[in-house]
Amino acid sequence: AALGLVQNLAALRALAGPGIQSGHMKLQANALAIAAG
C-alpha cells in the first residue's frame, strides 16, 4: 500500500511539473531499441 502511495506521488509530481512523457519516454527508449532489433 505504501508503494502505491509513493507511486502516486511520483506520478502527480511529474504531471504537475515537467509532464509524464519527458521521463517516461527517456526510459521507454531502451524498450524501443530492443524492439527495433
All heavy atoms as atom14 arrays in JSON, in Angstrom:
{
  "sequence": "AALGLVQNLAALRALAGPGIQSGHMKLQANALAIAAG",
  "atom14_mask": [
    [1, 1, 1, 1, 1, 0, 0, 0, 0, 0, 0, 0, 0, 0],
    [1, 1, 1, 1, 1, 0, 0, 0, 0, 0, 0, 0, 0, 0],
    [1, 1, 1, 1, 1, 1, 1, 1, 0, 0, 0, 0, 0, 0],
    [1, 1, 1, 1, 0, 0, 0, 0, 0, 0, 0, 0, 0, 0],
    [1, 1, 1, 1, 1, 1, 1, 1, 0, 0, 0, 0, 0, 0],
    [1, 1, 1, 1, 1, 1, 1, 0, 0, 0, 0, 0, 0, 0],
    [1, 1, 1, 1, 1, 1, 1, 1, 1, 0, 0, 0, 0, 0],
    [1, 1, 1, 1, 1, 1, 1, 1, 0, 0, 0, 0, 0, 0],
    [1, 1, 1, 1, 1, 1, 1, 1, 0, 0, 0, 0, 0, 0],
    [1, 1, 1, 1, 1, 0, 0, 0, 0, 0, 0, 0, 0, 0],
    [1, 1, 1, 1, 1, 0, 0, 0, 0, 0, 0, 0, 0, 0],
    [1, 1, 1, 1, 1, 1, 1, 1, 0, 0, 0, 0, 0, 0],
    [1, 1, 1, 1, 1, 1, 1, 1, 1, 1, 1, 0, 0, 0],
    [1, 1, 1, 1, 1, 0, 0, 0, 0, 0, 0, 0, 0, 0],
    [1, 1, 1, 1, 1, 1, 1, 1, 0, 0, 0, 0, 0, 0],
    [1, 1, 1, 1, 1, 0, 0, 0, 0, 0, 0, 0, 0, 0],
    [1, 1, 1, 1, 0, 0, 0, 0, 0, 0, 0, 0, 0, 0],
    [1, 1, 1, 1, 1, 1, 1, 0, 0, 0, 0, 0, 0, 0],
    [1, 1, 1, 1, 0, 0, 0, 0, 0, 0, 0, 0, 0, 0],
    [1, 1, 1, 1, 1, 1, 1, 1, 0, 0, 0, 0, 0, 0],
    [1, 1, 1, 1, 1, 1, 1, 1, 1, 0, 0, 0, 0, 0],
    [1, 1, 1, 1, 1, 1, 0, 0, 0, 0, 0, 0, 0, 0],
    [1, 1, 1, 1, 0, 0, 0, 0, 0, 0, 0, 0, 0, 0],
    [1, 1, 1, 1, 1, 1, 1, 1, 1, 1, 0, 0, 0, 0],
    [1, 1, 1, 1, 1, 1, 1, 1, 0, 0, 0, 0, 0, 0],
    [1, 1, 1, 1, 1, 1, 1, 1, 1, 0, 0, 0, 0, 0],
    [1, 1, 1, 1, 1, 1, 1, 1, 0, 0, 0, 0, 0, 0],
    [1, 1, 1, 1, 1, 1, 1, 1, 1, 0, 0, 0, 0, 0],
    [1, 1, 1, 1, 1, 0, 0, 0, 0, 0, 0, 0, 0, 0],
    [1, 1, 1, 1, 1, 1, 1, 1, 0, 0, 0, 0, 0, 0],
    [1, 1, 1, 1, 1, 0, 0, 0, 0, 0, 0, 0, 0, 0],
    [1, 1, 1, 1, 1, 1, 1, 1, 0, 0, 0, 0, 0, 0],
    [1, 1, 1, 1, 1, 0, 0, 0, 0, 0, 0, 0, 0, 0],
    [1, 1, 1, 1, 1, 1, 1, 1, 0, 0, 0, 0, 0, 0],
    [1, 1, 1, 1, 1, 0, 0, 0, 0, 0, 0, 0, 0, 0],
    [1, 1, 1, 1, 1, 0, 0, 0, 0, 0, 0, 0, 0, 0],
    [1, 1, 1, 1, 0, 0, 0, 0, 0, 0, 0, 0, 0, 0]
  ],
  "atom14_positions": [
    [[0.84, -1.21, 0.0], [0.0, 0.0, 0.0], [0.87, 1.25, 0.0], [0.58, 2.23, -0.71], [-0.93, -0.01, 1.21], [0.0, 0.0, 0.0], [0.0, 0.0, 0.0], [0.0, 0.0, 0.0], [0.0, 0.0, 0.0], [0.0, 0.0, 0.0], [0.0, 0.0, 0.0], [0.0, 0.0, 0.0], [0.0, 0.0, 0.0], [0.0, 0.0, 0.0]],
    [[1.93, 1.24, 0.79], [2.86, 2.38, 0.81], [3.49, 2.59, -0.56], [3.68, 3.72, -1.01], [3.94, 2.15, 1.87], [0.0, 0.0, 0.0], [0.0, 0.0, 0.0], [0.0, 0.0, 0.0], [0.0, 0.0, 0.0], [0.0, 0.0, 0.0], [0.0, 0.0, 0.0], [0.0, 0.0, 0.0], [0.0, 0.0, 0.0], [0.0, 0.0, 0.0]],
    [[3.8, 1.49, -1.22], [4.34, 1.58, -2.59], [3.34, 2.29, -3.51], [3.73, 3.15, -4.31], [4.64, 0.17, -3.12], [5.08, 0.08, -4.58], [6.45, 0.71, -4.76], [5.09, -1.38, -5.05], [0.0, 0.0, 0.0], [0.0, 0.0, 0.0], [0.0, 0.0, 0.0], [0.0, 0.0, 0.0], [0.0, 0.0, 0.0], [0.0, 0.0, 0.0]],
    [[2.06, 1.93, -3.39], [1.04, 2.6, -4.2], [1.0, 4.09, -3.95], [0.84, 4.89, -4.89], [0.0, 0.0, 0.0], [0.0, 0.0, 0.0], [0.0, 0.0, 0.0], [0.0, 0.0, 0.0], [0.0, 0.0, 0.0], [0.0, 0.0, 0.0], [0.0, 0.0, 0.0], [0.0, 0.0, 0.0], [0.0, 0.0, 0.0], [0.0, 0.0, 0.0]],
    [[1.15, 4.5, -2.69], [1.12, 5.92, -2.35], [2.31, 6.67, -2.93], [2.15, 7.76, -3.49], [1.06, 6.09, -0.84], [0.9, 7.52, -0.32], [-0.38, 8.16, -0.82], [0.95, 7.55, 1.21], [0.0, 0.0, 0.0], [0.0, 0.0, 0.0], [0.0, 0.0, 0.0], [0.0, 0.0, 0.0], [0.0, 0.0, 0.0], [0.0, 0.0, 0.0]],
    [[3.51, 6.11, -2.81], [4.69, 6.82, -3.34], [4.69, 6.8, -4.87], [5.2, 7.74, -5.51], [6.02, 6.26, -2.78], [6.02, 6.33, -1.26], [6.3, 4.84, -3.25], [0.0, 0.0, 0.0], [0.0, 0.0, 0.0], [0.0, 0.0, 0.0], [0.0, 0.0, 0.0], [0.0, 0.0, 0.0], [0.0, 0.0, 0.0], [0.0, 0.0, 0.0]],
    [[4.13, 5.75, -5.47], [3.99, 5.71, -6.93], [3.07, 6.84, -7.37], [3.32, 7.54, -8.36], [3.4, 4.37, -7.34], [3.56, 4.04, -8.82], [4.83, 3.27, -9.09], [5.1, 2.28, -8.46], [5.62, 3.73, -10.05], [0.0, 0.0, 0.0], [0.0, 0.0, 0.0], [0.0, 0.0, 0.0], [0.0, 0.0, 0.0], [0.0, 0.0, 0.0]],
    [[1.98, 7.02, -6.64], [1.03, 8.1, -6.91], [1.69, 9.46, -6.77], [1.51, 10.36, -7.61], [-0.13, 7.94, -5.93], [-1.28, 8.9, -6.17], [-1.86, 9.39, -5.21], [-1.65, 9.15, -7.4], [0.0, 0.0, 0.0], [0.0, 0.0, 0.0], [0.0, 0.0, 0.0], [0.0, 0.0, 0.0], [0.0, 0.0, 0.0], [0.0, 0.0, 0.0]],
    [[2.48, 9.63, -5.72], [3.19, 10.89, -5.5], [4.11, 11.22, -6.66], [4.12, 12.34, -7.18], [4.0, 10.81, -4.2], [4.96, 11.98, -3.94], [4.19, 13.28, -3.74], [5.83, 11.67, -2.71], [0.0, 0.0, 0.0], [0.0, 0.0, 0.0], [0.0, 0.0, 0.0], [0.0, 0.0, 0.0], [0.0, 0.0, 0.0], [0.0, 0.0, 0.0]],
    [[4.88, 10.22, -7.1], [5.82, 10.45, -8.21], [5.09, 10.82, -9.49], [5.51, 11.72, -10.23], [6.68, 9.21, -8.42], [0.0, 0.0, 0.0], [0.0, 0.0, 0.0], [0.0, 0.0, 0.0], [0.0, 0.0, 0.0], [0.0, 0.0, 0.0], [0.0, 0.0, 0.0], [0.0, 0.0, 0.0], [0.0, 0.0, 0.0], [0.0, 0.0, 0.0]],
    [[3.96, 10.14, -9.75], [3.2, 10.44, -10.97], [2.59, 11.83, -10.92], [2.65, 12.58, -11.92], [2.11, 9.38, -11.16], [0.0, 0.0, 0.0], [0.0, 0.0, 0.0], [0.0, 0.0, 0.0], [0.0, 0.0, 0.0], [0.0, 0.0, 0.0], [0.0, 0.0, 0.0], [0.0, 0.0, 0.0], [0.0, 0.0, 0.0], [0.0, 0.0, 0.0]],
    [[2.02, 12.21, -9.78], [1.4, 13.53, -9.67], [2.45, 14.64, -9.72], [2.21, 15.71, -10.31], [0.6, 13.63, -8.37], [-0.66, 12.74, -8.29], [-1.31, 12.87, -6.92], [-1.65, 13.11, -9.39], [0.0, 0.0, 0.0], [0.0, 0.0, 0.0], [0.0, 0.0, 0.0], [0.0, 0.0, 0.0], [0.0, 0.0, 0.0], [0.0, 0.0, 0.0]],
    [[3.61, 14.4, -9.14], [4.68, 15.4, -9.21], [5.13, 15.61, -10.64], [5.35, 16.74, -11.09], [5.86, 14.96, -8.35], [7.05, 15.92, -8.39], [8.15, 15.45, -7.45], [9.32, 16.3, -7.49], [10.41, 16.07, -8.19], [10.47, 14.98, -8.98], [11.44, 16.9, -8.16], [0.0, 0.0, 0.0], [0.0, 0.0, 0.0], [0.0, 0.0, 0.0]],
    [[5.26, 14.5, -11.38], [5.65, 14.62, -12.79], [4.57, 15.35, -13.59], [4.87, 16.21, -14.42], [5.9, 13.24, -13.38], [0.0, 0.0, 0.0], [0.0, 0.0, 0.0], [0.0, 0.0, 0.0], [0.0, 0.0, 0.0], [0.0, 0.0, 0.0], [0.0, 0.0, 0.0], [0.0, 0.0, 0.0], [0.0, 0.0, 0.0], [0.0, 0.0, 0.0]],
    [[3.31, 15.01, -13.32], [2.21, 15.65, -14.04], [2.12, 17.13, -13.7], [1.82, 17.96, -14.57], [0.89, 14.95, -13.67], [-0.35, 15.27, -14.49], [-0.12, 15.0, -15.97], [-1.53, 14.44, -13.98], [0.0, 0.0, 0.0], [0.0, 0.0, 0.0], [0.0, 0.0, 0.0], [0.0, 0.0, 0.0], [0.0, 0.0, 0.0], [0.0, 0.0, 0.0]],
    [[2.4, 17.48, -12.46], [2.35, 18.88, -12.03], [3.56, 19.67, -12.51], [3.51, 20.9, -12.59], [2.28, 18.95, -10.5], [0.0, 0.0, 0.0], [0.0, 0.0, 0.0], [0.0, 0.0, 0.0], [0.0, 0.0, 0.0], [0.0, 0.0, 0.0], [0.0, 0.0, 0.0], [0.0, 0.0, 0.0], [0.0, 0.0, 0.0], [0.0, 0.0, 0.0]],
    [[4.64, 18.97, -12.83], [5.87, 19.64, -13.23], [6.18, 19.48, -14.7], [5.48, 20.03, -15.56], [0.0, 0.0, 0.0], [0.0, 0.0, 0.0], [0.0, 0.0, 0.0], [0.0, 0.0, 0.0], [0.0, 0.0, 0.0], [0.0, 0.0, 0.0], [0.0, 0.0, 0.0], [0.0, 0.0, 0.0], [0.0, 0.0, 0.0], [0.0, 0.0, 0.0]],
    [[7.19, 18.67, -15.04], [7.62, 18.58, -16.44], [6.69, 17.78, -17.34], [6.85, 17.77, -18.55], [8.99, 17.88, -16.33], [8.9, 17.07, -15.08], [8.05, 17.89, -14.14], [0.0, 0.0, 0.0], [0.0, 0.0, 0.0], [0.0, 0.0, 0.0], [0.0, 0.0, 0.0], [0.0, 0.0, 0.0], [0.0, 0.0, 0.0], [0.0, 0.0, 0.0]],
    [[5.72, 17.06, -16.76], [4.85, 16.2, -17.56], [5.31, 14.75, -17.52], [6.47, 14.46, -17.23], [0.0, 0.0, 0.0], [0.0, 0.0, 0.0], [0.0, 0.0, 0.0], [0.0, 0.0, 0.0], [0.0, 0.0, 0.0], [0.0, 0.0, 0.0], [0.0, 0.0, 0.0], [0.0, 0.0, 0.0], [0.0, 0.0, 0.0], [0.0, 0.0, 0.0]],
    [[4.4, 13.86, -17.83], [4.67, 12.43, -17.74], [5.63, 11.95, -18.82], [6.53, 11.17, -18.58], [3.35, 11.63, -17.82], [2.49, 11.9, -16.57], [3.62, 10.14, -17.99], [3.07, 11.38, -15.28], [0.0, 0.0, 0.0], [0.0, 0.0, 0.0], [0.0, 0.0, 0.0], [0.0, 0.0, 0.0], [0.0, 0.0, 0.0], [0.0, 0.0, 0.0]],
    [[5.44, 12.43, -20.04], [6.17, 11.88, -21.17], [7.67, 12.1, -21.11], [8.44, 11.28, -21.59], [5.62, 12.43, -22.49], [4.29, 11.84, -22.93], [4.37, 10.35, -23.18], [4.3, 9.55, -22.24], [4.53, 9.97, -24.42], [0.0, 0.0, 0.0], [0.0, 0.0, 0.0], [0.0, 0.0, 0.0], [0.0, 0.0, 0.0], [0.0, 0.0, 0.0]],
    [[8.09, 13.2, -20.53], [9.51, 13.52, -20.51], [10.34, 12.4, -19.9], [11.24, 11.85, -20.52], [9.73, 14.82, -19.73], [11.11, 15.08, -19.57], [0.0, 0.0, 0.0], [0.0, 0.0, 0.0], [0.0, 0.0, 0.0], [0.0, 0.0, 0.0], [0.0, 0.0, 0.0], [0.0, 0.0, 0.0], [0.0, 0.0, 0.0], [0.0, 0.0, 0.0]],
    [[10.01, 12.02, -18.66], [10.77, 10.95, -18.02], [10.42, 9.58, -18.54], [11.29, 8.73, -18.71], [0.0, 0.0, 0.0], [0.0, 0.0, 0.0], [0.0, 0.0, 0.0], [0.0, 0.0, 0.0], [0.0, 0.0, 0.0], [0.0, 0.0, 0.0], [0.0, 0.0, 0.0], [0.0, 0.0, 0.0], [0.0, 0.0, 0.0], [0.0, 0.0, 0.0]],
    [[9.13, 9.38, -18.83], [8.69, 8.05, -19.27], [9.35, 7.66, -20.59], [9.84, 6.54, -20.74], [7.17, 8.05, -19.43], [6.62, 6.76, -19.95], [6.52, 5.62, -19.17], [6.15, 6.42, -21.18], [6.0, 4.64, -19.89], [5.77, 5.1, -21.11], [0.0, 0.0, 0.0], [0.0, 0.0, 0.0], [0.0, 0.0, 0.0], [0.0, 0.0, 0.0]],
    [[9.37, 8.57, -21.54], [9.89, 8.23, -22.85], [11.41, 8.08, -22.86], [11.95, 7.35, -23.69], [9.44, 9.26, -23.89], [7.93, 9.22, -24.16], [7.28, 7.57, -24.53], [8.03, 7.25, -26.13], [0.0, 0.0, 0.0], [0.0, 0.0, 0.0], [0.0, 0.0, 0.0], [0.0, 0.0, 0.0], [0.0, 0.0, 0.0], [0.0, 0.0, 0.0]],
    [[12.08, 8.76, -21.94], [13.53, 8.54, -21.84], [13.82, 7.08, -21.51], [14.74, 6.47, -22.05], [14.13, 9.46, -20.78], [14.28, 10.91, -21.22], [14.91, 11.74, -20.11], [15.07, 13.2, -20.56], [15.64, 14.05, -19.49], [0.0, 0.0, 0.0], [0.0, 0.0, 0.0], [0.0, 0.0, 0.0], [0.0, 0.0, 0.0], [0.0, 0.0, 0.0]],
    [[13.03, 6.54, -20.6], [13.21, 5.14, -20.23], [12.62, 4.19, -21.27], [13.1, 3.08, -21.46], [12.58, 4.89, -18.86], [13.26, 5.65, -17.71], [12.42, 5.58, -16.45], [14.65, 5.1, -17.45], [0.0, 0.0, 0.0], [0.0, 0.0, 0.0], [0.0, 0.0, 0.0], [0.0, 0.0, 0.0], [0.0, 0.0, 0.0], [0.0, 0.0, 0.0]],
    [[11.58, 4.64, -21.95], [10.95, 3.83, -22.98], [11.9, 3.6, -24.16], [11.75, 2.62, -24.91], [9.68, 4.52, -23.48], [8.83, 3.73, -24.46], [8.17, 2.51, -23.84], [8.03, 2.45, -22.63], [7.78, 1.56, -24.65], [0.0, 0.0, 0.0], [0.0, 0.0, 0.0], [0.0, 0.0, 0.0], [0.0, 0.0, 0.0], [0.0, 0.0, 0.0]],
    [[12.88, 4.47, -24.31], [13.83, 4.35, -25.42], [14.54, 3.01, -25.4], [14.84, 2.42, -26.45], [14.84, 5.49, -25.38], [0.0, 0.0, 0.0], [0.0, 0.0, 0.0], [0.0, 0.0, 0.0], [0.0, 0.0, 0.0], [0.0, 0.0, 0.0], [0.0, 0.0, 0.0], [0.0, 0.0, 0.0], [0.0, 0.0, 0.0], [0.0, 0.0, 0.0]],
    [[14.84, 2.49, -24.23], [15.51, 1.19, -24.14], [14.64, 0.08, -24.71], [15.12, -0.79, -25.43], [15.85, 0.89, -22.68], [16.98, 1.74, -22.16], [18.12, 1.57, -22.53], [16.65, 2.67, -21.29], [0.0, 0.0, 0.0], [0.0, 0.0, 0.0], [0.0, 0.0, 0.0], [0.0, 0.0, 0.0], [0.0, 0.0, 0.0], [0.0, 0.0, 0.0]],
    [[13.33, 0.11, -24.37], [12.42, -0.9, -24.89], [12.27, -0.78, -26.4], [12.21, -1.79, -27.12], [11.05, -0.77, -24.21], [0.0, 0.0, 0.0], [0.0, 0.0, 0.0], [0.0, 0.0, 0.0], [0.0, 0.0, 0.0], [0.0, 0.0, 0.0], [0.0, 0.0, 0.0], [0.0, 0.0, 0.0], [0.0, 0.0, 0.0], [0.0, 0.0, 0.0]],
    [[12.22, 0.45, -26.9], [12.13, 0.66, -28.35], [13.37, 0.13, -29.06], [13.27, -0.46, -30.14], [11.95, 2.15, -28.65], [10.53, 2.71, -28.65], [10.56, 4.22, -28.85], [9.7, 2.05, -29.75], [0.0, 0.0, 0.0], [0.0, 0.0, 0.0], [0.0, 0.0, 0.0], [0.0, 0.0, 0.0], [0.0, 0.0, 0.0], [0.0, 0.0, 0.0]],
    [[14.53, 0.34, -28.47], [15.77, -0.13, -29.08], [15.77, -1.65, -29.2], [16.16, -2.21, -30.23], [16.97, 0.34, -28.25], [0.0, 0.0, 0.0], [0.0, 0.0, 0.0], [0.0, 0.0, 0.0], [0.0, 0.0, 0.0], [0.0, 0.0, 0.0], [0.0, 0.0, 0.0], [0.0, 0.0, 0.0], [0.0, 0.0, 0.0], [0.0, 0.0, 0.0]],
    [[15.32, -2.33, -28.16], [15.25, -3.79, -28.2], [14.24, -4.25, -29.23], [14.49, -5.19, -30.01], [14.89, -4.33, -26.8], [16.03, -4.02, -25.82], [14.63, -5.84, -26.84], [15.68, -4.26, -24.37], [0.0, 0.0, 0.0], [0.0, 0.0, 0.0], [0.0, 0.0, 0.0], [0.0, 0.0, 0.0], [0.0, 0.0, 0.0], [0.0, 0.0, 0.0]],
    [[13.06, -3.58, -29.27], [12.02, -3.95, -30.23], [12.48, -3.74, -31.67], [12.07, -4.47, -32.58], [10.76, -3.13, -29.96], [0.0, 0.0, 0.0], [0.0, 0.0, 0.0], [0.0, 0.0, 0.0], [0.0, 0.0, 0.0], [0.0, 0.0, 0.0], [0.0, 0.0, 0.0], [0.0, 0.0, 0.0], [0.0, 0.0, 0.0], [0.0, 0.0, 0.0]],
    [[13.37, -2.76, -31.87], [13.88, -2.49, -33.22], [14.91, -3.52, -33.66], [15.29, -3.54, -34.84], [14.49, -1.09, -33.27], [0.0, 0.0, 0.0], [0.0, 0.0, 0.0], [0.0, 0.0, 0.0], [0.0, 0.0, 0.0], [0.0, 0.0, 0.0], [0.0, 0.0, 0.0], [0.0, 0.0, 0.0], [0.0, 0.0, 0.0], [0.0, 0.0, 0.0]],
    [[15.37, -4.35, -32.73], [16.32, -5.4, -33.08], [17.77, -5.08, -32.76], [18.68, -5.77, -33.23], [0.0, 0.0, 0.0], [0.0, 0.0, 0.0], [0.0, 0.0, 0.0], [0.0, 0.0, 0.0], [0.0, 0.0, 0.0], [0.0, 0.0, 0.0], [0.0, 0.0, 0.0], [0.0, 0.0, 0.0], [0.0, 0.0, 0.0], [0.0, 0.0, 0.0]]
  ]
}
